[in-house]
Amino acid sequence: MQKSQLLDLSDLKTSYVDVLFVTNQENIPDSVSTRLSNEEIVWDKIGIEDFVCDGEAWREFGTVILDTSEISPGQHESLWRKLKKLEQANIAVILLNDHINFPFDRFRLATTLRTASVEEIVGRVEANLAYQRSLGVGGTVVRASVSMVNDTTEQLKMAGHVQRNFLPRRLPNLNSVRWATIFEPADWVSGDIYDIARLDEQHIGFYLADAVGHSMPAALLTMFLKQALKMRETTGNDYRIFGPLEVIKNLNQAMSDQHLAGCLFATCCYCLLNVRTRQLTYTRAGHPYPVLIRNGEAMQLESRGGLLGVFEHTEFDQQTVQLEPGDKVFLYSDGCEPLVGRHGDDSQFGFSPEFLAILNLPVEKMIESFDNLVSKRNLPPAEVDDVTAIGLQIL
């Protein structure tokens, strides 16, 4: 069953569509659309540029059918990232031919069709939809009326969109420093939050916070953390930049003052980078240690500090490290820990071989490679955690 009008992107974010055709062609062949309608399969189409550029529209489809003959070389990398997001959401992709040298070894649900017959397209679509129903996805949708999914799920999705709006839209890249990030919620909403902000011509403040727990309570706490964490204050024409120790102490006090119910605690690492002197000052609160990468070797930047929101007068340390050209710093949430490294029987921390193998890459490629490691993990649903990371490189 076809919807009477093509959906715009805002509709796509709130309605379930069994099949999304990604193509710049004006019309889907009549033989295909008629067969899908006869099978009561809801379909729609979107242009390739809109599909590649829109960051959130991928969550609402059962299957994506992509015409690869229309993909330009400049779109390959962005497209692969989008398709990886689909894979993580258990959304299958059918590629019509393969003009883009697609890396199938990184994907388990993506397939290719070199002969796009109606029977094979419909057969693949029905197999994909059956797989999604086996996971409890899409089966409650009343296709004949293109019904909304249940209210609770819709509210979680909307909350996830709102949460992403609190993330930085642009990274403060300079001639002297480059940034890269990962933000991969385990569910529609995340218990992680991060920010990277240019505070003045000389300073960039950045942090990663992780609310203890999952789903909506943790996500709501991240919104509180975002609003309560103050990097600087302005009075009239003057301003003052807070040091990391002051930032963390003030945040802990704000959480303590709220008397949060339900054992809502958080971890955080706040860093202040002086881009002129290349000094990095940091304070952590129960968070995994930041990692300094220098000359192909990794070391933890240790400092003392307990969880936020547990005790009003918790002690925290502030440390400073002098960065050098070529240095990288990697800040991550606990969902990344199995890939970064672990403590051995001697209680000494050891970095994983996979992590060590990507240390010499430029920060953007390093973060992309780490994200690939995340996507290749095959964890039971109960062990999936939010994954967030910040990487910076001194040039």
Protein backbone atom coordinates (compact mmCIF):
# COMPACT_ATOMS: atom_id res chain seq x y z
CA MET A 1 0.00 0.00 0.00
CA GLN A 2 1.47 3.32 -1.06
CA LYS A 3 0.88 6.47 0.93
CA SER A 4 -1.07 9.05 -1.02
CA GLN A 5 1.70 11.63 -0.92
CA LEU A 6 5.45 11.47 -0.58
CA LEU A 7 6.62 11.99 2.96
CA ASP A 8 8.88 14.86 3.88
CA LEU A 9 11.68 14.20 6.35
CA SER A 10 9.69 15.29 9.38
CA ASP A 11 7.02 12.72 8.50
CA LEU A 12 9.63 10.04 8.05
CA LYS A 13 10.78 10.55 11.61
CA THR A 14 7.35 9.80 13.06
CA SER A 15 5.81 7.18 10.71
CA TYR A 16 6.73 3.59 9.99
CA VAL A 17 7.43 2.70 6.37
CA ASP A 18 8.05 -0.92 5.35
CA VAL A 19 10.20 -0.04 2.34
CA LEU A 20 12.07 3.16 1.58
CA PHE A 21 13.42 3.57 -1.96
CA VAL A 22 16.49 5.79 -2.07
CA THR A 23 16.72 7.07 -5.61
CA ASN A 24 16.73 10.25 -7.66
CA GLN A 25 14.36 8.71 -10.20
CA GLU A 26 11.02 10.49 -10.33
CA ASN A 27 8.88 7.35 -10.22
CA ILE A 28 9.12 3.78 -8.97
CA PRO A 29 8.26 1.29 -11.77
CA ASP A 30 4.54 0.54 -11.87
CA SER A 31 5.13 -3.20 -11.72
CA VAL A 32 7.00 -2.81 -8.42
CA SER A 33 4.60 -0.33 -6.80
CA THR A 34 1.56 -2.39 -7.81
CA ARG A 35 3.04 -5.60 -6.40
CA LEU A 36 3.98 -3.92 -3.12
CA SER A 37 0.48 -2.44 -2.84
CA ASN A 38 -1.11 -5.84 -3.47
CA GLU A 39 1.01 -7.27 -0.64
CA GLU A 40 -0.07 -4.35 1.63
CA ILE A 41 3.53 -3.24 1.99
CA VAL A 42 3.83 0.46 2.78
CA TRP A 43 6.54 2.16 0.73
CA ASP A 44 7.88 5.57 -0.05
CA LYS A 45 10.93 7.14 -1.67
CA ILE A 46 13.49 9.82 -0.88
CA GLY A 47 16.27 11.46 -2.86
CA ILE A 48 19.82 10.26 -2.36
CA GLU A 49 21.12 13.63 -1.13
CA ASP A 50 18.33 13.92 1.46
CA PHE A 51 18.94 10.38 2.67
CA VAL A 52 22.70 10.80 3.01
CA CYS A 53 22.55 14.23 4.71
CA ASP A 54 19.68 13.72 7.16
CA GLY A 55 21.04 12.32 10.42
CA GLU A 56 17.86 10.91 11.98
CA ALA A 57 15.53 9.72 9.24
CA TRP A 58 16.94 6.16 9.16
CA ARG A 59 15.22 4.93 12.31
CA GLU A 60 11.71 4.42 10.92
CA PHE A 61 12.07 1.94 8.06
CA GLY A 62 11.75 -1.80 7.67
CA THR A 63 13.95 -2.08 4.58
CA VAL A 64 15.93 0.41 2.49
CA ILE A 65 16.39 -0.17 -1.25
CA LEU A 66 19.26 1.89 -2.62
CA ASP A 67 20.02 2.58 -6.28
CA THR A 68 23.83 2.60 -6.18
CA SER A 69 24.21 3.72 -9.79
CA GLU A 70 23.33 7.26 -8.69
CA ILE A 71 25.86 7.55 -5.84
CA SER A 72 28.73 9.97 -6.45
CA PRO A 73 32.24 9.14 -5.14
CA GLY A 74 32.06 12.07 -2.71
CA GLN A 75 29.02 10.50 -1.02
CA HIS A 76 30.58 7.07 -0.34
CA GLU A 77 31.96 7.70 3.14
CA SER A 78 28.83 9.49 4.42
CA LEU A 79 26.67 6.79 2.90
CA TRP A 80 28.59 3.97 4.59
CA ARG A 81 28.17 5.71 7.95
CA LYS A 82 24.42 5.98 7.33
CA LEU A 83 24.16 2.34 6.32
CA LYS A 84 26.09 1.30 9.41
CA LYS A 85 23.50 3.13 11.52
CA LEU A 86 20.79 1.16 9.73
CA GLU A 87 22.66 -2.07 10.43
CA GLN A 88 22.88 -1.25 14.14
CA ALA A 89 19.11 -0.69 14.18
CA ASN A 90 18.54 -4.11 12.51
CA ILE A 91 17.30 -2.41 9.33
CA ALA A 92 18.28 -4.30 6.20
CA VAL A 93 19.56 -2.61 3.04
CA ILE A 94 19.12 -3.92 -0.48
CA LEU A 95 21.57 -2.48 -2.98
CA LEU A 96 20.51 -2.45 -6.61
CA ASN A 97 23.81 -3.52 -8.19
CA ASP A 98 27.03 -2.45 -6.52
CA HIS A 99 28.64 0.57 -8.15
CA ILE A 100 30.23 1.77 -4.91
CA ASN A 101 32.48 -1.18 -3.92
CA PHE A 102 30.36 -1.67 -0.81
CA PRO A 103 32.27 -3.22 2.17
CA PHE A 104 29.93 -6.17 2.70
CA ASP A 105 32.36 -7.78 5.14
CA ARG A 106 31.43 -5.10 7.70
CA PHE A 107 27.69 -5.75 7.39
CA ARG A 108 25.49 -8.75 8.08
CA LEU A 109 22.10 -7.50 6.80
CA ALA A 110 23.05 -5.69 3.59
CA THR A 111 22.56 -7.58 0.31
CA THR A 112 22.84 -6.78 -3.38
CA LEU A 113 20.51 -7.48 -6.32
CA ARG A 114 22.02 -7.51 -9.79
CA THR A 115 18.71 -8.41 -11.45
CA ALA A 116 15.99 -6.26 -9.95
CA SER A 117 12.99 -8.46 -10.75
CA VAL A 118 9.72 -7.73 -8.99
CA GLU A 119 9.57 -11.21 -7.47
CA GLU A 120 13.06 -11.02 -6.01
CA ILE A 121 12.59 -7.50 -4.64
CA VAL A 122 9.35 -8.45 -2.91
CA GLY A 123 10.84 -11.72 -1.66
CA ARG A 124 13.83 -9.94 -0.11
CA VAL A 125 11.58 -7.29 1.43
CA GLU A 126 9.25 -9.86 2.98
CA ALA A 127 12.23 -11.78 4.39
CA ASN A 128 13.61 -8.60 5.92
CA LEU A 129 10.26 -7.66 7.44
CA ALA A 130 9.86 -11.16 8.87
CA TYR A 131 13.30 -10.83 10.47
CA GLN A 132 12.30 -7.51 12.04
CA ARG A 133 9.06 -8.98 13.37
CA SER A 134 11.08 -11.78 14.97
CA LEU A 135 12.93 -9.05 16.87
CA GLY A 136 9.66 -7.43 17.94
CA VAL A 137 10.09 -4.52 15.53
CA GLY A 138 7.36 -3.32 13.20
CA GLY A 139 4.88 -6.09 13.95
CA THR A 140 2.52 -3.85 15.89
CA VAL A 141 2.21 -1.41 13.00
CA VAL A 142 -1.16 -1.40 11.27
CA ARG A 143 0.08 -1.04 7.71
CA ALA A 144 -3.30 -0.33 6.13
CA SER A 145 -3.52 3.00 7.93
CA VAL A 146 0.22 3.61 8.40
CA SER A 147 -0.37 3.80 12.16
CA MET A 148 2.06 5.32 14.58
CA VAL A 149 4.00 2.92 16.78
CA ASN A 150 2.97 2.79 20.39
CA ASP A 151 3.06 6.01 22.39
CA THR A 152 5.85 4.96 24.71
CA THR A 153 8.21 4.16 21.85
CA GLU A 154 7.30 7.37 20.06
CA GLN A 155 8.00 9.39 23.18
CA LEU A 156 11.38 7.71 23.59
CA LYS A 157 12.24 8.47 19.98
CA MET A 158 11.22 12.10 20.39
CA ALA A 159 13.29 12.31 23.55
CA GLY A 160 16.25 10.91 21.61
CA HIS A 161 15.87 13.62 18.98
CA VAL A 162 15.72 16.29 21.67
CA GLN A 163 18.79 14.86 23.38
CA ARG A 164 20.80 14.97 20.15
CA ASN A 165 19.89 18.62 19.77
CA PHE A 166 21.94 19.30 22.91
CA LEU A 167 25.10 17.94 21.29
CA PRO A 168 27.47 20.36 19.54
CA ARG A 169 26.50 20.91 15.91
CA ARG A 170 30.04 21.87 14.86
CA LEU A 171 33.38 20.92 16.31
CA PRO A 172 35.81 23.81 17.01
CA ASN A 173 38.52 22.69 14.59
CA LEU A 174 41.48 25.06 14.30
CA ASN A 175 44.79 25.09 12.48
CA SER A 176 46.36 23.79 15.70
CA VAL A 177 43.81 21.19 16.84
CA ARG A 178 41.36 18.74 15.26
CA TRP A 179 38.39 16.99 16.87
CA ALA A 180 36.31 13.88 16.22
CA THR A 181 33.47 12.27 18.19
CA ILE A 182 31.27 9.18 18.49
CA PHE A 183 27.77 9.15 19.99
CA GLU A 184 26.06 5.75 19.82
CA PRO A 185 23.11 5.30 22.23
CA ALA A 186 22.28 1.74 23.21
CA ASP A 187 18.59 2.64 22.92
CA TRP A 188 16.57 5.57 21.61
CA VAL A 189 17.98 7.75 24.39
CA SER A 190 21.43 7.76 25.92
CA GLY A 191 22.86 8.02 29.40
CA ASP A 192 25.89 9.82 27.93
CA ILE A 193 26.29 13.50 27.09
CA TYR A 194 29.24 15.51 25.82
CA ASP A 195 30.12 19.02 24.75
CA ILE A 196 33.07 20.81 23.14
CA ALA A 197 32.92 24.61 23.35
CA ARG A 198 35.19 27.47 22.31
CA LEU A 199 35.29 29.64 25.44
CA ASP A 200 37.48 32.42 24.05
CA GLU A 201 40.31 32.81 21.56
CA GLN A 202 42.64 30.80 23.77
CA HIS A 203 40.55 28.15 25.52
CA ILE A 204 38.34 25.22 24.56
CA GLY A 205 36.39 23.40 27.26
CA PHE A 206 35.13 19.88 26.70
CA TYR A 207 33.64 17.08 28.76
CA LEU A 208 32.01 13.69 28.64
CA ALA A 209 29.48 12.72 31.32
CA ASP A 210 27.83 9.36 31.88
CA ALA A 211 24.69 8.98 33.99
CA VAL A 212 24.61 5.73 35.93
CA GLY A 213 21.82 3.56 34.54
CA HIS A 214 19.96 3.38 31.26
CA SER A 215 16.88 4.55 29.39
CA MET A 216 14.77 7.56 30.34
CA PRO A 217 15.97 8.24 33.93
CA ALA A 218 19.59 8.32 32.78
CA ALA A 219 18.70 10.44 29.74
CA LEU A 220 16.85 12.95 31.92
CA LEU A 221 19.87 13.18 34.20
CA THR A 222 22.08 14.00 31.21
CA MET A 223 19.85 16.98 30.48
CA PHE A 224 20.32 18.16 34.06
CA LEU A 225 24.09 17.70 33.73
CA LYS A 226 24.12 19.68 30.49
CA GLN A 227 22.37 22.62 32.12
CA ALA A 228 24.21 22.46 35.45
CA LEU A 229 27.76 22.21 34.06
CA LYS A 230 29.06 25.75 33.68
CA MET A 231 32.34 26.37 31.85
CA ARG A 232 32.43 30.15 32.24
CA GLU A 233 30.48 33.06 33.65
CA THR A 234 29.87 36.48 32.14
CA THR A 235 29.32 39.66 34.14
CA GLY A 236 28.72 42.75 32.07
CA ASN A 237 31.59 43.01 29.60
CA ASP A 238 33.82 40.67 31.60
CA TYR A 239 33.96 36.92 31.78
CA ARG A 240 35.72 34.31 33.82
CA ILE A 241 36.62 30.80 32.64
CA PHE A 242 36.22 28.14 35.32
CA GLY A 243 39.04 25.68 35.87
CA PRO A 244 38.19 21.96 35.65
CA LEU A 245 38.31 21.47 39.42
CA GLU A 246 35.82 24.28 39.95
CA VAL A 247 33.58 22.96 37.18
CA ILE A 248 33.40 19.48 38.71
CA LYS A 249 32.95 20.75 42.28
CA ASN A 250 30.11 23.03 41.20
CA LEU A 251 28.47 20.20 39.27
CA ASN A 252 28.70 17.84 42.24
CA GLN A 253 27.21 20.52 44.47
CA ALA A 254 24.35 21.09 42.03
CA MET A 255 23.55 17.38 42.02
CA SER A 256 23.76 17.16 45.81
CA ASP A 257 21.46 20.16 46.21
CA GLN A 258 18.79 18.44 44.12
CA HIS A 259 18.62 15.42 46.47
CA LEU A 260 17.97 13.23 43.46
CA ALA A 261 15.84 10.16 44.16
CA GLY A 262 16.49 6.69 42.80
CA CYS A 263 20.28 6.61 43.27
CA LEU A 264 20.90 8.86 40.27
CA PHE A 265 24.66 9.32 40.08
CA ALA A 266 27.00 10.24 37.25
CA THR A 267 30.61 10.20 36.14
CA CYS A 268 32.30 13.01 34.28
CA CYS A 269 35.66 14.15 32.97
CA TYR A 270 36.06 17.85 32.23
CA CYS A 271 39.08 19.19 30.34
CA LEU A 272 40.29 22.68 29.51
CA LEU A 273 42.66 23.08 26.55
CA ASN A 274 44.80 26.19 26.12
CA VAL A 275 45.30 26.19 22.36
CA ARG A 276 48.24 28.64 22.54
CA THR A 277 50.32 26.91 25.21
CA ARG A 278 48.94 23.41 24.42
CA GLN A 279 48.38 22.79 28.13
CA LEU A 280 45.55 20.42 28.98
CA THR A 281 44.06 20.68 32.47
CA TYR A 282 41.55 18.07 33.59
CA THR A 283 39.49 16.80 36.52
CA ARG A 284 37.58 13.54 36.57
CA ALA A 285 34.76 12.28 38.76
CA GLY A 286 34.49 8.49 38.75
CA HIS A 287 35.02 8.48 34.98
CA PRO A 288 37.40 6.28 32.95
CA TYR A 289 40.84 7.87 32.76
CA PRO A 290 41.53 9.97 29.65
CA VAL A 291 44.10 8.43 27.33
CA LEU A 292 47.13 10.35 26.05
CA ILE A 293 48.53 9.00 22.78
CA ARG A 294 52.10 10.08 22.02
CA ASN A 295 54.53 8.61 19.49
CA GLY A 296 52.27 5.64 18.92
CA GLU A 297 52.01 4.75 22.60
CA ALA A 298 49.02 5.12 24.93
CA MET A 299 49.03 6.08 28.60
CA GLN A 300 46.27 6.80 31.07
CA LEU A 301 46.03 10.28 32.59
CA GLU A 302 45.24 9.35 36.16
CA SER A 303 43.61 11.56 38.78
CA ARG A 304 41.51 11.04 41.89
CA GLY A 305 37.77 11.72 42.07
CA GLY A 306 34.59 9.85 43.04
CA LEU A 307 31.12 9.70 41.54
CA LEU A 308 29.05 12.87 41.17
CA GLY A 309 26.00 13.25 43.38
CA VAL A 310 26.99 10.75 46.09
CA PHE A 311 28.64 12.98 48.70
CA GLU A 312 28.45 16.73 48.91
CA HIS A 313 32.11 17.18 49.91
CA THR A 314 33.78 14.64 47.63
CA GLU A 315 37.42 15.44 46.90
CA PHE A 316 38.61 15.80 43.31
CA ASP A 317 42.05 16.35 41.80
CA GLN A 318 43.07 18.73 39.04
CA GLN A 319 45.96 17.71 36.84
CA THR A 320 47.78 19.36 33.93
CA VAL A 321 49.67 17.78 31.06
CA GLN A 322 51.76 19.57 28.44
CA LEU A 323 50.70 18.42 24.98
CA GLU A 324 53.05 18.31 22.02
CA PRO A 325 52.44 18.45 18.26
CA GLY A 326 51.18 15.06 17.13
CA ASP A 327 49.68 14.16 20.52
CA LYS A 328 46.15 12.82 20.68
CA VAL A 329 43.78 12.64 23.64
CA PHE A 330 40.96 10.08 23.79
CA LEU A 331 38.08 10.58 26.23
CA TYR A 332 35.43 7.86 26.43
CA SER A 333 32.44 6.52 28.35
CA ASP A 334 32.40 3.15 30.09
CA GLY A 335 30.57 1.55 27.17
CA CYS A 336 33.88 1.79 25.28
CA GLU A 337 35.97 0.12 27.99
CA PRO A 338 35.92 -3.45 26.59
CA LEU A 339 37.43 -2.13 23.34
CA VAL A 340 39.95 0.23 24.93
CA GLY A 341 41.42 -2.27 27.41
CA ARG A 342 41.00 -3.95 30.75
CA HIS A 343 42.76 -4.76 34.02
CA GLY A 344 44.67 -8.02 34.10
CA ASP A 345 45.15 -10.48 36.93
CA ASP A 346 47.90 -8.25 38.30
CA SER A 347 45.43 -5.31 38.46
CA GLN A 348 47.48 -3.48 35.83
CA PHE A 349 45.53 -1.87 32.99
CA GLY A 350 46.39 -3.10 29.52
CA PHE A 351 45.22 -1.60 26.24
CA SER A 352 43.58 -3.97 23.80
CA PRO A 353 45.40 -4.97 20.59
CA GLU A 354 42.53 -3.52 18.55
CA PHE A 355 42.89 -0.14 20.24
CA LEU A 356 46.67 -0.11 19.92
CA ALA A 357 46.35 -0.87 16.22
CA ILE A 358 44.57 2.43 15.47
CA LEU A 359 46.68 4.81 17.59
CA ASN A 360 48.82 6.13 14.73
CA LEU A 361 45.88 7.17 12.57
CA PRO A 362 44.84 10.84 12.29
CA VAL A 363 42.19 11.56 14.89
CA GLU A 364 39.26 11.51 12.44
CA LYS A 365 40.33 8.14 11.04
CA MET A 366 41.12 6.83 14.49
CA ILE A 367 37.63 7.65 15.76
CA GLU A 368 36.07 6.21 12.61
CA SER A 369 38.08 3.00 13.06
CA PHE A 370 37.05 2.80 16.71
CA ASP A 371 33.43 3.23 15.64
CA ASN A 372 33.91 0.30 13.26
CA LEU A 373 35.16 -1.80 16.18
CA VAL A 374 31.99 -0.88 18.07
CA SER A 375 29.75 -1.90 15.17
CA LYS A 376 31.47 -5.30 14.81
CA ARG A 377 30.85 -6.31 18.41
CA ASN A 378 28.31 -9.09 18.83
CA LEU A 379 26.99 -8.56 22.34
CA PRO A 380 23.86 -9.96 24.02
CA PRO A 381 21.19 -7.23 24.30
CA ALA A 382 21.64 -7.04 28.08
CA GLU A 383 25.32 -6.12 27.65
CA VAL A 384 24.88 -3.36 25.05
CA ASP A 385 25.80 0.02 26.52
CA ASP A 386 25.94 3.61 25.31
CA VAL A 387 29.16 4.38 23.45
CA THR A 388 30.51 7.94 23.39
CA ALA A 389 34.01 9.19 22.73
CA ILE A 390 35.89 12.43 22.06
CA GLY A 391 39.20 12.54 20.26
CA LEU A 392 41.50 15.53 19.76
CA GLN A 393 44.81 15.88 17.98
CA ILE A 394 47.39 18.63 18.35
CA LEU A 395 48.72 19.59 14.90
